[in-house]
Amino acid sequence: MSTQTFLSGFFLGLLLGTVLTYGALQVLSRQRIRCHKREIEELTEQFQELFRQIDRGKNKNR
């Protein structure tokens, strides 16, 4: 009886650990994606500002 209880607890713990690990990895993945999107948006804004400055410089020389 104790072996059956041990194995039941072991497999239940294994299953719960797998489910919780999967959930934690999903959360971390979503956070990483949000962070990358923010970085891409910042870089895009910086490039747009740089090109605006370049265009202003070209218009002044004409």
N, C-alpha and C. Protein backbone atom coordinates (compact mmCIF):
# COMPACT_ATOMS: atom_id res chain seq x y z
N MET A 1 0.83 -1.20 0.00
CA MET A 1 0.00 0.00 0.00
C MET A 1 0.86 1.25 0.00
N SER A 2 1.95 1.27 0.75
CA SER A 2 2.78 2.47 0.83
C SER A 2 3.50 2.72 -0.50
N THR A 3 3.83 1.66 -1.22
CA THR A 3 4.47 1.82 -2.53
C THR A 3 3.50 2.46 -3.50
N GLN A 4 2.26 2.04 -3.46
CA GLN A 4 1.24 2.62 -4.33
C GLN A 4 1.03 4.10 -4.00
N THR A 5 0.99 4.44 -2.73
CA THR A 5 0.82 5.83 -2.31
C THR A 5 2.02 6.67 -2.76
N PHE A 6 3.22 6.10 -2.58
CA PHE A 6 4.43 6.80 -3.00
C PHE A 6 4.41 7.08 -4.50
N LEU A 7 4.09 6.06 -5.30
CA LEU A 7 4.07 6.23 -6.75
C LEU A 7 2.99 7.20 -7.19
N SER A 8 1.83 7.14 -6.54
CA SER A 8 0.76 8.08 -6.87
C SER A 8 1.20 9.52 -6.60
N GLY A 9 1.81 9.74 -5.44
CA GLY A 9 2.30 11.07 -5.10
C GLY A 9 3.41 11.52 -6.03
N PHE A 10 4.29 10.60 -6.37
CA PHE A 10 5.39 10.91 -7.28
C PHE A 10 4.88 11.36 -8.64
N PHE A 11 3.97 10.58 -9.21
CA PHE A 11 3.46 10.93 -10.53
C PHE A 11 2.59 12.19 -10.50
N LEU A 12 1.86 12.38 -9.43
CA LEU A 12 1.07 13.60 -9.29
C LEU A 12 2.00 14.81 -9.19
N GLY A 13 3.06 14.70 -8.43
CA GLY A 13 4.04 15.78 -8.32
C GLY A 13 4.73 16.05 -9.64
N LEU A 14 5.06 15.00 -10.36
CA LEU A 14 5.69 15.13 -11.67
C LEU A 14 4.76 15.85 -12.64
N LEU A 15 3.49 15.47 -12.63
CA LEU A 15 2.51 16.10 -13.51
C LEU A 15 2.32 17.58 -13.15
N LEU A 16 2.16 17.87 -11.87
CA LEU A 16 1.98 19.26 -11.44
C LEU A 16 3.23 20.10 -11.74
N GLY A 17 4.39 19.53 -11.53
CA GLY A 17 5.63 20.23 -11.84
C GLY A 17 5.74 20.56 -13.32
N THR A 18 5.35 19.61 -14.16
CA THR A 18 5.39 19.84 -15.60
C THR A 18 4.42 20.94 -16.00
N VAL A 19 3.21 20.90 -15.46
CA VAL A 19 2.21 21.91 -15.79
C VAL A 19 2.65 23.29 -15.32
N LEU A 20 3.16 23.39 -14.10
CA LEU A 20 3.60 24.68 -13.58
C LEU A 20 4.81 25.22 -14.34
N THR A 21 5.74 24.34 -14.69
CA THR A 21 6.90 24.77 -15.48
C THR A 21 6.47 25.28 -16.85
N TYR A 22 5.55 24.58 -17.48
CA TYR A 22 5.04 25.02 -18.78
C TYR A 22 4.39 26.39 -18.67
N GLY A 23 3.58 26.58 -17.64
CA GLY A 23 2.92 27.88 -17.44
C GLY A 23 3.93 28.99 -17.20
N ALA A 24 4.94 28.72 -16.39
CA ALA A 24 5.97 29.73 -16.11
C ALA A 24 6.74 30.08 -17.38
N LEU A 25 7.05 29.09 -18.20
CA LEU A 25 7.75 29.36 -19.45
C LEU A 25 6.90 30.18 -20.41
N GLN A 26 5.59 29.95 -20.43
CA GLN A 26 4.70 30.74 -21.28
C GLN A 26 4.69 32.20 -20.85
N VAL A 27 4.64 32.43 -19.54
CA VAL A 27 4.64 33.81 -19.03
C VAL A 27 5.95 34.50 -19.39
N LEU A 28 7.07 33.83 -19.17
CA LEU A 28 8.36 34.42 -19.50
C LEU A 28 8.49 34.70 -20.98
N SER A 29 7.95 33.82 -21.80
CA SER A 29 8.01 34.02 -23.25
C SER A 29 7.22 35.25 -23.65
N ARG A 30 6.03 35.44 -23.08
CA ARG A 30 5.21 36.62 -23.39
C ARG A 30 5.92 37.90 -22.97
N GLN A 31 6.55 37.88 -21.80
CA GLN A 31 7.27 39.07 -21.32
C GLN A 31 8.44 39.39 -22.23
N ARG A 32 9.14 38.38 -22.68
CA ARG A 32 10.28 38.59 -23.57
C ARG A 32 9.82 39.18 -24.90
N ILE A 33 8.69 38.70 -25.41
CA ILE A 33 8.16 39.22 -26.67
C ILE A 33 7.78 40.69 -26.52
N ARG A 34 7.12 41.04 -25.40
CA ARG A 34 6.75 42.44 -25.16
C ARG A 34 7.98 43.32 -25.09
N CYS A 35 9.02 42.83 -24.43
CA CYS A 35 10.25 43.59 -24.29
C CYS A 35 10.88 43.83 -25.66
N HIS A 36 10.92 42.80 -26.51
CA HIS A 36 11.49 42.94 -27.84
C HIS A 36 10.67 43.91 -28.68
N LYS A 37 9.36 43.85 -28.57
CA LYS A 37 8.52 44.78 -29.33
C LYS A 37 8.81 46.21 -28.92
N ARG A 38 8.96 46.45 -27.63
CA ARG A 38 9.27 47.78 -27.13
C ARG A 38 10.62 48.27 -27.68
N GLU A 39 11.60 47.39 -27.68
CA GLU A 39 12.93 47.76 -28.20
C GLU A 39 12.85 48.08 -29.68
N ILE A 40 12.09 47.30 -30.43
CA ILE A 40 11.95 47.54 -31.86
C ILE A 40 11.26 48.87 -32.11
N GLU A 41 10.22 49.18 -31.34
CA GLU A 41 9.53 50.45 -31.49
C GLU A 41 10.46 51.63 -31.18
N GLU A 42 11.29 51.50 -30.15
CA GLU A 42 12.23 52.56 -29.80
C GLU A 42 13.26 52.76 -30.91
N LEU A 43 13.79 51.66 -31.44
CA LEU A 43 14.77 51.76 -32.51
C LEU A 43 14.14 52.38 -33.77
N THR A 44 12.91 52.00 -34.07
CA THR A 44 12.22 52.56 -35.22
C THR A 44 12.06 54.06 -35.06
N GLU A 45 11.67 54.51 -33.89
CA GLU A 45 11.52 55.94 -33.63
C GLU A 45 12.85 56.66 -33.77
N GLN A 46 13.92 56.05 -33.29
CA GLN A 46 15.24 56.67 -33.40
C GLN A 46 15.66 56.80 -34.86
N PHE A 47 15.42 55.76 -35.67
CA PHE A 47 15.76 55.83 -37.08
C PHE A 47 14.92 56.88 -37.80
N GLN A 48 13.64 56.95 -37.48
CA GLN A 48 12.79 57.96 -38.10
C GLN A 48 13.28 59.35 -37.77
N GLU A 49 13.66 59.59 -36.52
CA GLU A 49 14.18 60.90 -36.13
C GLU A 49 15.49 61.20 -36.85
N LEU A 50 16.35 60.21 -36.98
CA LEU A 50 17.61 60.39 -37.69
C LEU A 50 17.36 60.78 -39.14
N PHE A 51 16.44 60.09 -39.81
CA PHE A 51 16.15 60.41 -41.21
C PHE A 51 15.50 61.79 -41.34
N ARG A 52 14.69 62.18 -40.36
CA ARG A 52 14.12 63.54 -40.38
C ARG A 52 15.23 64.58 -40.30
N GLN A 53 16.19 64.33 -39.43
CA GLN A 53 17.31 65.27 -39.29
C GLN A 53 18.13 65.33 -40.57
N ILE A 54 18.34 64.19 -41.19
CA ILE A 54 19.09 64.16 -42.46
C ILE A 54 18.34 64.94 -43.52
N ASP A 55 17.01 64.75 -43.61
CA ASP A 55 16.20 65.48 -44.59
C ASP A 55 16.24 66.98 -44.33
N ARG A 56 16.19 67.39 -43.07
CA ARG A 56 16.29 68.81 -42.74
C ARG A 56 17.62 69.38 -43.19
N GLY A 57 18.68 68.61 -43.00
CA GLY A 57 20.01 69.05 -43.42
C GLY A 57 20.09 69.20 -44.93
N LYS A 58 19.47 68.30 -45.68
CA LYS A 58 19.46 68.38 -47.15
C LYS A 58 18.68 69.60 -47.62
N ASN A 59 17.54 69.88 -46.97
CA ASN A 59 16.72 71.01 -47.35
C ASN A 59 17.40 72.32 -47.06
N LYS A 60 18.22 72.41 -46.04
CA LYS A 60 18.95 73.64 -45.71
C LYS A 60 20.02 73.93 -46.73
N ASN A 61 20.62 72.89 -47.31
CA ASN A 61 21.71 73.06 -48.28
C ASN A 61 21.19 73.48 -49.64
N ARG A 62 19.92 73.37 -49.90
CA ARG A 62 19.39 73.70 -51.22
C ARG A 62 19.05 75.11 -51.35
